[in-house]
């Protein structure tokens, strides 16, 4: 390799690196100016929630606040998958699924929590009726899943034994 070829390769590498640096710097500057000018605004993703229902301390009142009625029909078309014994009540995995048609919401309650409503999911009509999350449980109690489908509420429950409470108790 001659000195000219070696020098030429070094210059082209430096030039390519400089171009990339200038391009990225210019892009970052343009985004920063757009944000400062108010053209590009950050958007916060957040879910709507029923504040009153989540703060209710009585199970029946929480159900009525969350769903509009505290009446539900027991159904074997709802499945709750949750451990029989939760070692730590702060992180209890739960999966709720349903084979009911036209499911609009899946709501989860923990009967003995200070605030029994622990989660509510609104589902699009094209979604499968399946949710999986983690909930907090203060002590051993029934976990109740209420599925709203076709304008009616259906429910099932399962007892979970909690070794260490997860709601500050």
C-alpha atoms as a PDB file:
ATOM      1  CA  UNK A   1       0.000   0.000   0.000  1.00  0.00           C
ATOM      2  CA  UNK A   2       1.403   3.347  -0.956  1.00  0.00           C
ATOM      3  CA  UNK A   3       1.467   6.373   1.241  1.00  0.00           C
ATOM      4  CA  UNK A   4      -1.107   8.149  -0.956  1.00  0.00           C
ATOM      5  CA  UNK A   5      -3.585   5.246  -0.750  1.00  0.00           C
ATOM      6  CA  UNK A   6      -3.167   5.000   3.017  1.00  0.00           C
ATOM      7  CA  UNK A   7      -3.590   8.758   3.415  1.00  0.00           C
ATOM      8  CA  UNK A   8      -6.645   8.674   1.134  1.00  0.00           C
ATOM      9  CA  UNK A   9      -8.301   5.901   3.214  1.00  0.00           C
ATOM     10  CA  UNK A  10      -7.659   7.766   6.483  1.00  0.00           C
ATOM     11  CA  UNK A  11      -9.112  10.987   5.068  1.00  0.00           C
ATOM     12  CA  UNK A  12     -12.252   9.249   3.792  1.00  0.00           C
ATOM     13  CA  UNK A  13     -12.794   7.570   7.207  1.00  0.00           C
ATOM     14  CA  UNK A  14     -12.371  10.886   9.005  1.00  0.00           C
ATOM     15  CA  UNK A  15     -14.683  12.628   6.554  1.00  0.00           C
ATOM     16  CA  UNK A  16     -17.364   9.939   6.972  1.00  0.00           C
ATOM     17  CA  UNK A  17     -17.128  10.180  10.776  1.00  0.00           C
ATOM     18  CA  UNK A  18     -17.329  13.964  10.635  1.00  0.00           C
ATOM     19  CA  UNK A  19     -20.392  13.822   8.353  1.00  0.00           C
ATOM     20  CA  UNK A  20     -22.137  11.418  10.739  1.00  0.00           C
ATOM     21  CA  UNK A  21     -21.307  13.629  13.726  1.00  0.00           C
ATOM     22  CA  UNK A  22     -22.605  16.755  11.960  1.00  0.00           C
ATOM     23  CA  UNK A  23     -25.759  14.969  10.786  1.00  0.00           C
ATOM     24  CA  UNK A  24     -26.598  13.685  14.298  1.00  0.00           C
ATOM     25  CA  UNK A  25     -25.809  17.040  15.902  1.00  0.00           C
ATOM     26  CA  UNK A  26     -28.028  18.839  13.404  1.00  0.00           C
ATOM     27  CA  UNK A  27     -30.880  16.350  14.012  1.00  0.00           C
ATOM     28  CA  UNK A  28     -30.680  16.744  17.797  1.00  0.00           C
ATOM     29  CA  UNK A  29     -30.557  20.529  17.475  1.00  0.00           C
ATOM     30  CA  UNK A  30     -33.622  20.535  15.203  1.00  0.00           C
ATOM     31  CA  UNK A  31     -35.615  18.401  17.663  1.00  0.00           C
ATOM     32  CA  UNK A  32     -34.565  20.576  20.618  1.00  0.00           C
ATOM     33  CA  UNK A  33     -35.598  23.747  18.760  1.00  0.00           C
ATOM     34  CA  UNK A  34     -38.954  22.186  17.815  1.00  0.00           C
ATOM     35  CA  UNK A  35     -39.634  21.223  21.443  1.00  0.00           C
ATOM     36  CA  UNK A  36     -38.650  24.692  22.707  1.00  0.00           C
ATOM     37  CA  UNK A  37     -40.819  26.383  20.080  1.00  0.00           C
ATOM     38  CA  UNK A  38     -43.815  24.284  21.089  1.00  0.00           C
ATOM     39  CA  UNK A  39     -44.058  22.615  17.684  1.00  0.00           C
ATOM     40  CA  UNK A  40     -43.155  19.193  19.015  1.00  0.00           C
ATOM     41  CA  UNK A  41     -44.820  18.476  22.342  1.00  0.00           C
ATOM     42  CA  UNK A  42     -44.173  15.406  24.472  1.00  0.00           C
ATOM     43  CA  UNK A  43     -47.322  13.414  25.135  1.00  0.00           C
ATOM     44  CA  UNK A  44     -47.884  11.444  28.290  1.00  0.00           C
ATOM     45  CA  UNK A  45     -49.678   8.138  27.913  1.00  0.00           C
ATOM     46  CA  UNK A  46     -52.120   7.584  30.716  1.00  0.00           C
ATOM     47  CA  UNK A  47     -55.130   5.463  31.383  1.00  0.00           C
ATOM     48  CA  UNK A  48     -58.443   6.828  32.506  1.00  0.00           C
ATOM     49  CA  UNK A  49     -59.562   5.597  35.887  1.00  0.00           C
ATOM     50  CA  UNK A  50     -62.568   5.722  38.143  1.00  0.00           C
ATOM     51  CA  UNK A  51     -61.061   7.496  41.131  1.00  0.00           C
ATOM     52  CA  UNK A  52     -64.142   7.098  43.332  1.00  0.00           C
ATOM     53  CA  UNK A  53     -64.363   3.329  42.774  1.00  0.00           C
ATOM     54  CA  UNK A  54     -60.645   2.807  43.438  1.00  0.00           C
ATOM     55  CA  UNK A  55     -60.882   4.692  46.752  1.00  0.00           C
ATOM     56  CA  UNK A  56     -63.973   2.853  48.061  1.00  0.00           C
ATOM     57  CA  UNK A  57     -63.271   0.830  51.181  1.00  0.00           C
ATOM     58  CA  UNK A  58     -66.367  -1.411  51.078  1.00  0.00           C
ATOM     59  CA  UNK A  59     -66.445  -4.274  48.539  1.00  0.00           C
ATOM     60  CA  UNK A  60     -70.104  -3.909  47.497  1.00  0.00           C
ATOM     61  CA  UNK A  61     -69.782  -0.132  47.134  1.00  0.00           C
ATOM     62  CA  UNK A  62     -66.586  -0.528  45.104  1.00  0.00           C
ATOM     63  CA  UNK A  63     -68.293  -3.023  42.780  1.00  0.00           C
ATOM     64  CA  UNK A  64     -71.269  -0.701  42.323  1.00  0.00           C
ATOM     65  CA  UNK A  65     -69.027   2.335  41.719  1.00  0.00           C
ATOM     66  CA  UNK A  66     -66.840   0.465  39.228  1.00  0.00           C
ATOM     67  CA  UNK A  67     -69.572  -1.334  37.295  1.00  0.00           C
ATOM     68  CA  UNK A  68     -72.772   0.606  37.938  1.00  0.00           C
ATOM     69  CA  UNK A  69     -74.354  -2.368  39.703  1.00  0.00           C
ATOM     70  CA  UNK A  70     -73.277  -4.741  42.438  1.00  0.00           C
ATOM     71  CA  UNK A  71     -75.237  -7.605  40.873  1.00  0.00           C
ATOM     72  CA  UNK A  72     -73.394 -10.324  38.977  1.00  0.00           C
ATOM     73  CA  UNK A  73     -74.142 -13.845  37.883  1.00  0.00           C
ATOM     74  CA  UNK A  74     -71.670 -16.625  38.738  1.00  0.00           C
ATOM     75  CA  UNK A  75     -70.119 -18.050  35.574  1.00  0.00           C
ATOM     76  CA  UNK A  76     -67.907 -20.998  34.736  1.00  0.00           C
ATOM     77  CA  UNK A  77     -66.917 -19.209  31.512  1.00  0.00           C
ATOM     78  CA  UNK A  78     -64.450 -17.057  33.486  1.00  0.00           C
ATOM     79  CA  UNK A  79     -61.080 -18.431  34.535  1.00  0.00           C
ATOM     80  CA  UNK A  80     -58.800 -16.989  37.215  1.00  0.00           C
ATOM     81  CA  UNK A  81     -55.237 -18.256  37.227  1.00  0.00           C
ATOM     82  CA  UNK A  82     -53.571 -17.169  40.463  1.00  0.00           C
ATOM     83  CA  UNK A  83     -51.335 -19.056  42.922  1.00  0.00           C
ATOM     84  CA  UNK A  84     -53.106 -20.859  45.760  1.00  0.00           C
ATOM     85  CA  UNK A  85     -50.514 -19.358  48.126  1.00  0.00           C
ATOM     86  CA  UNK A  86     -48.757 -16.053  47.489  1.00  0.00           C
ATOM     87  CA  UNK A  87     -45.437 -15.825  49.317  1.00  0.00           C
ATOM     88  CA  UNK A  88     -45.451 -12.026  48.977  1.00  0.00           C
ATOM     89  CA  UNK A  89     -48.743 -10.131  48.760  1.00  0.00           C
ATOM     90  CA  UNK A  90     -46.998  -7.191  47.063  1.00  0.00           C
ATOM     91  CA  UNK A  91     -46.628  -9.124  43.798  1.00  0.00           C
ATOM     92  CA  UNK A  92     -49.371 -11.649  43.152  1.00  0.00           C
ATOM     93  CA  UNK A  93     -49.497 -12.703  39.482  1.00  0.00           C
ATOM     94  CA  UNK A  94     -52.995 -13.121  38.069  1.00  0.00           C
ATOM     95  CA  UNK A  95     -54.444 -14.009  34.691  1.00  0.00           C
ATOM     96  CA  UNK A  96     -58.151 -13.670  33.959  1.00  0.00           C
ATOM     97  CA  UNK A  97     -59.708 -15.025  30.789  1.00  0.00           C
ATOM     98  CA  UNK A  98     -63.237 -15.544  29.583  1.00  0.00           C
ATOM     99  CA  UNK A  99     -65.015 -17.398  26.812  1.00  0.00           C
ATOM    100  CA  UNK A 100     -68.050 -15.103  27.075  1.00  0.00           C
ATOM    101  CA  UNK A 101     -69.042 -13.185  23.943  1.00  0.00           C
ATOM    102  CA  UNK A 102     -68.898  -9.376  23.664  1.00  0.00           C
ATOM    103  CA  UNK A 103     -66.679  -8.746  26.725  1.00  0.00           C
ATOM    104  CA  UNK A 104     -66.256  -5.028  27.443  1.00  0.00           C
ATOM    105  CA  UNK A 105     -64.480  -4.968  30.828  1.00  0.00           C
ATOM    106  CA  UNK A 106     -62.611  -7.247  33.195  1.00  0.00           C
ATOM    107  CA  UNK A 107     -62.510  -5.994  36.786  1.00  0.00           C
ATOM    108  CA  UNK A 108     -60.505  -7.529  39.632  1.00  0.00           C
ATOM    109  CA  UNK A 109     -61.241  -7.167  43.346  1.00  0.00           C
ATOM    110  CA  UNK A 110     -59.435  -8.431  46.434  1.00  0.00           C
ATOM    111  CA  UNK A 111     -62.085  -8.917  49.091  1.00  0.00           C
ATOM    112  CA  UNK A 112     -59.957  -8.110  52.173  1.00  0.00           C
ATOM    113  CA  UNK A 113     -57.868  -5.218  50.794  1.00  0.00           C
ATOM    114  CA  UNK A 114     -58.379  -1.799  52.373  1.00  0.00           C
ATOM    115  CA  UNK A 115     -59.476  -0.679  48.903  1.00  0.00           C
ATOM    116  CA  UNK A 116     -60.879  -3.806  47.231  1.00  0.00           C
ATOM    117  CA  UNK A 117     -60.836  -2.643  43.581  1.00  0.00           C
ATOM    118  CA  UNK A 118     -57.355  -3.524  42.332  1.00  0.00           C
ATOM    119  CA  UNK A 119     -57.684  -3.351  38.530  1.00  0.00           C
ATOM    120  CA  UNK A 120     -60.153  -2.628  35.770  1.00  0.00           C
ATOM    121  CA  UNK A 121     -59.498  -3.218  32.082  1.00  0.00           C
ATOM    122  CA  UNK A 122     -61.684  -1.893  29.276  1.00  0.00           C
ATOM    123  CA  UNK A 123     -61.425  -4.096  26.215  1.00  0.00           C
ATOM    124  CA  UNK A 124     -62.077  -3.295  22.577  1.00  0.00           C
ATOM    125  CA  UNK A 125     -64.688  -5.506  20.929  1.00  0.00           C
ATOM    126  CA  UNK A 126     -61.971  -7.121  18.784  1.00  0.00           C
ATOM    127  CA  UNK A 127     -59.766  -8.065  21.766  1.00  0.00           C
ATOM    128  CA  UNK A 128     -59.551 -11.493  23.320  1.00  0.00           C
ATOM    129  CA  UNK A 129     -60.946 -11.516  26.843  1.00  0.00           C
ATOM    130  CA  UNK A 130     -57.579 -12.180  28.468  1.00  0.00           C
ATOM    131  CA  UNK A 131     -55.561 -10.024  30.852  1.00  0.00           C
ATOM    132  CA  UNK A 132     -52.482 -10.780  32.889  1.00  0.00           C
ATOM    133  CA  UNK A 133     -51.055  -8.527  35.583  1.00  0.00           C
ATOM    134  CA  UNK A 134     -49.745  -8.448  39.141  1.00  0.00           C
ATOM    135  CA  UNK A 135     -51.836  -7.247  42.053  1.00  0.00           C
ATOM    136  CA  UNK A 136     -51.279  -6.421  45.708  1.00  0.00           C
ATOM    137  CA  UNK A 137     -53.097  -8.294  48.429  1.00  0.00           C
ATOM    138  CA  UNK A 138     -53.038  -7.289  52.089  1.00  0.00           C
ATOM    139  CA  UNK A 139     -54.025 -10.694  53.493  1.00  0.00           C
ATOM    140  CA  UNK A 140     -55.616 -14.021  52.646  1.00  0.00           C
ATOM    141  CA  UNK A 141     -58.878 -13.439  50.823  1.00  0.00           C
ATOM    142  CA  UNK A 142     -60.953 -14.134  47.757  1.00  0.00           C
ATOM    143  CA  UNK A 143     -59.882 -12.634  44.465  1.00  0.00           C
ATOM    144  CA  UNK A 144     -63.003 -11.801  42.476  1.00  0.00           C
ATOM    145  CA  UNK A 145     -63.057 -11.310  38.722  1.00  0.00           C
ATOM    146  CA  UNK A 146     -66.135  -9.657  37.244  1.00  0.00           C
ATOM    147  CA  UNK A 147     -66.499  -9.681  33.476  1.00  0.00           C
ATOM    148  CA  UNK A 148     -68.983  -7.343  31.818  1.00  0.00           C
ATOM    149  CA  UNK A 149     -70.310  -8.881  28.623  1.00  0.00           C
ATOM    150  CA  UNK A 150     -73.401  -8.139  26.584  1.00  0.00           C
ATOM    151  CA  UNK A 151     -74.631  -5.609  29.154  1.00  0.00           C
ATOM    152  CA  UNK A 152     -74.506  -8.079  32.077  1.00  0.00           C
ATOM    153  CA  UNK A 153     -71.945  -8.788  34.797  1.00  0.00           C
ATOM    154  CA  UNK A 154     -70.569 -12.284  35.367  1.00  0.00           C
ATOM    155  CA  UNK A 155     -68.219 -13.284  38.171  1.00  0.00           C
ATOM    156  CA  UNK A 156     -65.997 -15.951  39.618  1.00  0.00           C
ATOM    157  CA  UNK A 157     -63.732 -16.047  42.652  1.00  0.00           C
ATOM    158  CA  UNK A 158     -60.757 -17.897  44.049  1.00  0.00           C
ATOM    159  CA  UNK A 159     -59.213 -17.818  47.528  1.00  0.00           C
ATOM    160  CA  UNK A 160     -55.540 -16.891  47.734  1.00  0.00           C
ATOM    161  CA  UNK A 161     -53.537 -17.432  50.914  1.00  0.00           C
ATOM    162  CA  UNK A 162     -51.040 -14.619  51.507  1.00  0.00           C
ATOM    163  CA  UNK A 163     -47.899 -15.292  53.588  1.00  0.00           C
ATOM    164  CA  UNK A 164     -46.629 -11.689  53.748  1.00  0.00           C
ATOM    165  CA  UNK A 165     -49.120  -8.850  53.177  1.00  0.00           C
ATOM    166  CA  UNK A 166     -48.324  -6.416  50.397  1.00  0.00           C
ATOM    167  CA  UNK A 167     -50.534  -3.442  51.169  1.00  0.00           C
ATOM    168  CA  UNK A 168     -48.636  -2.001  54.091  1.00  0.00           C
ATOM    169  CA  UNK A 169     -50.138  -4.352  56.667  1.00  0.00           C
END
